Amino acid sequence: MVCSEAGIVVTDYIDQATAVMTETANGGGRFKEVTLNPIVMVKEASMVSGAIDLHKKANKLCFIANSVNFPVLHVPQVKVTTLI
């Protein structure tokens, strides 16, 4: 949503999230922190910088980060879609 509003065309998005979990004494556990590692493909090289900048705004609007009581970090990569 944030990219489309800014005129940035996203052609693909994948993420391999990681998390840190702590175990409790009773054998249960909880997440301590989650890191989203999105790889965003954009249509043109001119869109890369803007897409990277928009991740700060996306982080504030992130429904996952706004739904949990631990930090959700973002480590984005933005690449240009290449046609073969």
N, C-alpha and C. Protein backbone atom coordinates (compact mmCIF):
# COMPACT_ATOMS: atom_id res chain seq x y z
N MET A 1 0.82 -1.18 0.00
CA MET A 1 0.00 0.00 0.00
C MET A 1 0.87 1.26 0.00
N VAL A 2 1.86 1.31 0.86
CA VAL A 2 2.71 2.49 0.99
C VAL A 2 3.44 2.76 -0.33
N CYS A 3 3.97 1.72 -0.95
CA CYS A 3 4.69 1.90 -2.21
C CYS A 3 3.75 2.34 -3.32
N SER A 4 2.60 1.71 -3.44
CA SER A 4 1.69 2.06 -4.53
C SER A 4 1.23 3.51 -4.42
N GLU A 5 1.01 3.98 -3.20
CA GLU A 5 0.62 5.38 -3.01
C GLU A 5 1.73 6.33 -3.45
N ALA A 6 2.99 5.88 -3.39
CA ALA A 6 4.13 6.71 -3.78
C ALA A 6 4.52 6.50 -5.24
N GLY A 7 3.77 5.68 -5.97
CA GLY A 7 4.07 5.44 -7.38
C GLY A 7 5.18 4.43 -7.61
N ILE A 8 5.51 3.64 -6.60
CA ILE A 8 6.56 2.63 -6.73
C ILE A 8 5.88 1.30 -7.06
N VAL A 9 6.29 0.69 -8.16
CA VAL A 9 5.68 -0.55 -8.63
C VAL A 9 6.47 -1.73 -8.07
N VAL A 10 5.84 -2.48 -7.16
CA VAL A 10 6.45 -3.67 -6.58
C VAL A 10 6.03 -4.86 -7.43
N THR A 11 7.02 -5.60 -7.92
CA THR A 11 6.72 -6.75 -8.77
C THR A 11 6.81 -8.08 -8.03
N ASP A 12 7.45 -8.08 -6.87
CA ASP A 12 7.55 -9.31 -6.08
C ASP A 12 7.96 -8.94 -4.66
N TYR A 13 7.59 -9.82 -3.73
CA TYR A 13 7.92 -9.61 -2.32
C TYR A 13 8.06 -10.99 -1.68
N ILE A 14 9.19 -11.22 -1.06
CA ILE A 14 9.37 -12.43 -0.27
C ILE A 14 9.99 -12.04 1.06
N ASP A 15 9.80 -12.87 2.05
CA ASP A 15 10.36 -12.57 3.37
C ASP A 15 10.75 -13.87 4.04
N GLN A 16 11.88 -13.84 4.69
CA GLN A 16 12.31 -14.97 5.51
C GLN A 16 12.55 -14.43 6.91
N ALA A 17 11.48 -14.36 7.66
CA ALA A 17 11.53 -13.81 9.01
C ALA A 17 12.33 -14.71 9.94
N THR A 18 12.96 -14.09 10.91
CA THR A 18 13.66 -14.83 11.97
C THR A 18 13.12 -14.33 13.30
N ALA A 19 13.33 -15.12 14.35
CA ALA A 19 12.82 -14.72 15.66
C ALA A 19 13.73 -15.24 16.76
N VAL A 20 13.68 -14.54 17.88
CA VAL A 20 14.36 -14.96 19.09
C VAL A 20 13.26 -15.31 20.09
N MET A 21 13.35 -16.52 20.63
CA MET A 21 12.36 -16.97 21.59
C MET A 21 13.05 -17.33 22.90
N THR A 22 12.38 -17.07 24.00
CA THR A 22 12.91 -17.47 25.30
C THR A 22 11.99 -18.53 25.89
N GLU A 23 12.60 -19.50 26.55
CA GLU A 23 11.83 -20.54 27.23
C GLU A 23 11.57 -20.12 28.66
N THR A 24 10.40 -20.47 29.15
CA THR A 24 10.08 -20.19 30.55
C THR A 24 10.37 -21.44 31.39
N ALA A 25 10.42 -21.26 32.68
CA ALA A 25 10.76 -22.36 33.59
C ALA A 25 9.79 -23.54 33.49
N ASN A 26 8.54 -23.27 33.11
CA ASN A 26 7.54 -24.33 33.03
C ASN A 26 7.54 -25.06 31.67
N GLY A 27 8.50 -24.74 30.82
CA GLY A 27 8.60 -25.39 29.51
C GLY A 27 7.90 -24.66 28.39
N GLY A 28 7.20 -23.59 28.72
CA GLY A 28 6.56 -22.76 27.69
C GLY A 28 7.57 -21.78 27.12
N GLY A 29 7.10 -20.80 26.42
CA GLY A 29 8.01 -19.81 25.88
C GLY A 29 7.28 -18.63 25.29
N ARG A 30 8.06 -17.67 24.86
CA ARG A 30 7.49 -16.49 24.20
C ARG A 30 8.54 -15.89 23.29
N PHE A 31 8.06 -15.18 22.30
CA PHE A 31 8.98 -14.48 21.42
C PHE A 31 9.52 -13.26 22.12
N LYS A 32 10.80 -13.03 21.94
CA LYS A 32 11.47 -11.86 22.50
C LYS A 32 11.60 -10.78 21.43
N GLU A 33 11.77 -11.22 20.17
CA GLU A 33 12.00 -10.29 19.07
C GLU A 33 11.80 -11.03 17.75
N VAL A 34 11.29 -10.32 16.75
CA VAL A 34 11.14 -10.87 15.41
C VAL A 34 11.79 -9.90 14.43
N THR A 35 12.47 -10.43 13.44
CA THR A 35 13.06 -9.60 12.40
C THR A 35 12.48 -10.04 11.06
N LEU A 36 11.86 -9.10 10.37
CA LEU A 36 11.39 -9.34 9.01
C LEU A 36 12.52 -8.98 8.06
N ASN A 37 12.76 -9.84 7.08
CA ASN A 37 13.84 -9.64 6.11
C ASN A 37 13.26 -9.60 4.70
N PRO A 38 12.46 -8.59 4.42
CA PRO A 38 11.81 -8.57 3.11
C PRO A 38 12.79 -8.30 1.97
N ILE A 39 12.56 -9.01 0.89
CA ILE A 39 13.25 -8.72 -0.37
C ILE A 39 12.16 -8.24 -1.31
N VAL A 40 12.24 -6.98 -1.67
CA VAL A 40 11.23 -6.34 -2.49
C VAL A 40 11.81 -6.08 -3.88
N MET A 41 11.09 -6.55 -4.88
CA MET A 41 11.50 -6.30 -6.26
C MET A 41 10.66 -5.15 -6.80
N VAL A 42 11.33 -4.15 -7.38
CA VAL A 42 10.61 -3.02 -7.97
C VAL A 42 10.85 -2.98 -9.47
N LYS A 43 9.98 -2.26 -10.16
CA LYS A 43 9.99 -2.26 -11.63
C LYS A 43 11.20 -1.55 -12.23
N GLU A 44 11.64 -0.45 -11.60
CA GLU A 44 12.70 0.36 -12.19
C GLU A 44 13.75 0.76 -11.14
N ALA A 45 14.97 0.94 -11.58
CA ALA A 45 16.07 1.32 -10.69
C ALA A 45 15.78 2.64 -9.97
N SER A 46 15.06 3.53 -10.61
CA SER A 46 14.74 4.83 -10.00
C SER A 46 13.82 4.70 -8.79
N MET A 47 13.25 3.52 -8.58
CA MET A 47 12.31 3.30 -7.48
C MET A 47 12.98 2.73 -6.23
N VAL A 48 14.23 2.29 -6.35
CA VAL A 48 14.90 1.60 -5.25
C VAL A 48 15.04 2.49 -4.02
N SER A 49 15.58 3.66 -4.17
CA SER A 49 15.81 4.56 -3.04
C SER A 49 14.52 4.91 -2.31
N GLY A 50 13.49 5.21 -3.07
CA GLY A 50 12.20 5.54 -2.47
C GLY A 50 11.60 4.37 -1.72
N ALA A 51 11.75 3.17 -2.28
CA ALA A 51 11.22 1.98 -1.61
C ALA A 51 11.95 1.72 -0.29
N ILE A 52 13.25 1.91 -0.28
CA ILE A 52 14.02 1.74 0.96
C ILE A 52 13.56 2.75 2.00
N ASP A 53 13.41 4.00 1.59
CA ASP A 53 12.96 5.04 2.52
C ASP A 53 11.57 4.74 3.08
N LEU A 54 10.69 4.16 2.28
CA LEU A 54 9.33 3.88 2.72
C LEU A 54 9.24 2.75 3.74
N HIS A 55 10.29 1.97 3.88
CA HIS A 55 10.26 0.91 4.88
C HIS A 55 10.13 1.46 6.29
N LYS A 56 10.66 2.65 6.54
CA LYS A 56 10.50 3.27 7.86
C LYS A 56 9.02 3.53 8.15
N LYS A 57 8.31 4.05 7.16
CA LYS A 57 6.88 4.30 7.32
C LYS A 57 6.12 2.98 7.43
N ALA A 58 6.49 2.01 6.60
CA ALA A 58 5.83 0.71 6.64
C ALA A 58 6.01 0.04 7.99
N ASN A 59 7.17 0.21 8.60
CA ASN A 59 7.43 -0.36 9.92
C ASN A 59 6.46 0.20 10.95
N LYS A 60 6.19 1.49 10.89
CA LYS A 60 5.26 2.12 11.83
C LYS A 60 3.83 1.64 11.60
N LEU A 61 3.49 1.32 10.35
CA LEU A 61 2.13 0.88 10.02
C LEU A 61 1.96 -0.64 10.07
N CYS A 62 3.02 -1.37 10.29
CA CYS A 62 3.03 -2.83 10.21
C CYS A 62 2.01 -3.46 11.15
N PHE A 63 1.06 -4.22 10.57
CA PHE A 63 0.03 -4.83 11.40
C PHE A 63 0.60 -5.87 12.34
N ILE A 64 1.68 -6.53 11.96
CA ILE A 64 2.30 -7.51 12.85
C ILE A 64 2.92 -6.77 14.04
N ALA A 65 3.73 -5.76 13.76
CA ALA A 65 4.39 -5.01 14.83
C ALA A 65 3.38 -4.34 15.76
N ASN A 66 2.26 -3.92 15.22
CA ASN A 66 1.25 -3.25 16.03
C ASN A 66 0.34 -4.23 16.78
N SER A 67 0.54 -5.52 16.58
CA SER A 67 -0.32 -6.53 17.20
C SER A 67 0.35 -7.33 18.30
N VAL A 68 1.63 -7.13 18.51
CA VAL A 68 2.37 -7.94 19.46
C VAL A 68 3.09 -7.06 20.48
N ASN A 69 3.55 -7.67 21.57
CA ASN A 69 4.19 -6.90 22.64
C ASN A 69 5.70 -7.08 22.68
N PHE A 70 6.30 -7.31 21.53
CA PHE A 70 7.75 -7.41 21.42
C PHE A 70 8.17 -6.69 20.15
N PRO A 71 9.44 -6.31 20.04
CA PRO A 71 9.90 -5.57 18.86
C PRO A 71 9.83 -6.41 17.58
N VAL A 72 9.37 -5.77 16.53
CA VAL A 72 9.41 -6.35 15.18
C VAL A 72 10.30 -5.43 14.35
N LEU A 73 11.46 -5.95 14.00
CA LEU A 73 12.45 -5.17 13.24
C LEU A 73 12.30 -5.46 11.76
N HIS A 74 12.75 -4.54 10.94
CA HIS A 74 12.73 -4.72 9.49
C HIS A 74 14.14 -4.52 8.94
N VAL A 75 14.61 -5.45 8.14
CA VAL A 75 15.90 -5.34 7.46
C VAL A 75 15.60 -5.55 5.96
N PRO A 76 15.20 -4.48 5.28
CA PRO A 76 14.76 -4.63 3.89
C PRO A 76 15.90 -4.66 2.89
N GLN A 77 15.63 -5.34 1.80
CA GLN A 77 16.46 -5.28 0.60
C GLN A 77 15.52 -4.91 -0.54
N VAL A 78 15.95 -4.02 -1.39
CA VAL A 78 15.15 -3.66 -2.55
C VAL A 78 16.00 -3.87 -3.79
N LYS A 79 15.44 -4.58 -4.75
CA LYS A 79 16.15 -4.91 -5.98
C LYS A 79 15.27 -4.58 -7.17
N VAL A 80 15.90 -4.45 -8.31
CA VAL A 80 15.18 -4.16 -9.55
C VAL A 80 14.86 -5.47 -10.25
N THR A 81 13.63 -5.60 -10.69
CA THR A 81 13.22 -6.77 -11.45
C THR A 81 13.98 -6.80 -12.75
N THR A 82 14.57 -7.94 -13.05
CA THR A 82 15.29 -8.08 -14.33
C THR A 82 14.51 -9.03 -15.22
N LEU A 83 14.42 -8.68 -16.44
CA LEU A 83 13.74 -9.52 -17.41
C LEU A 83 14.75 -10.38 -18.13
N ILE A 84 14.44 -11.63 -18.28
CA ILE A 84 15.36 -12.56 -18.96
C ILE A 84 14.93 -12.73 -20.39
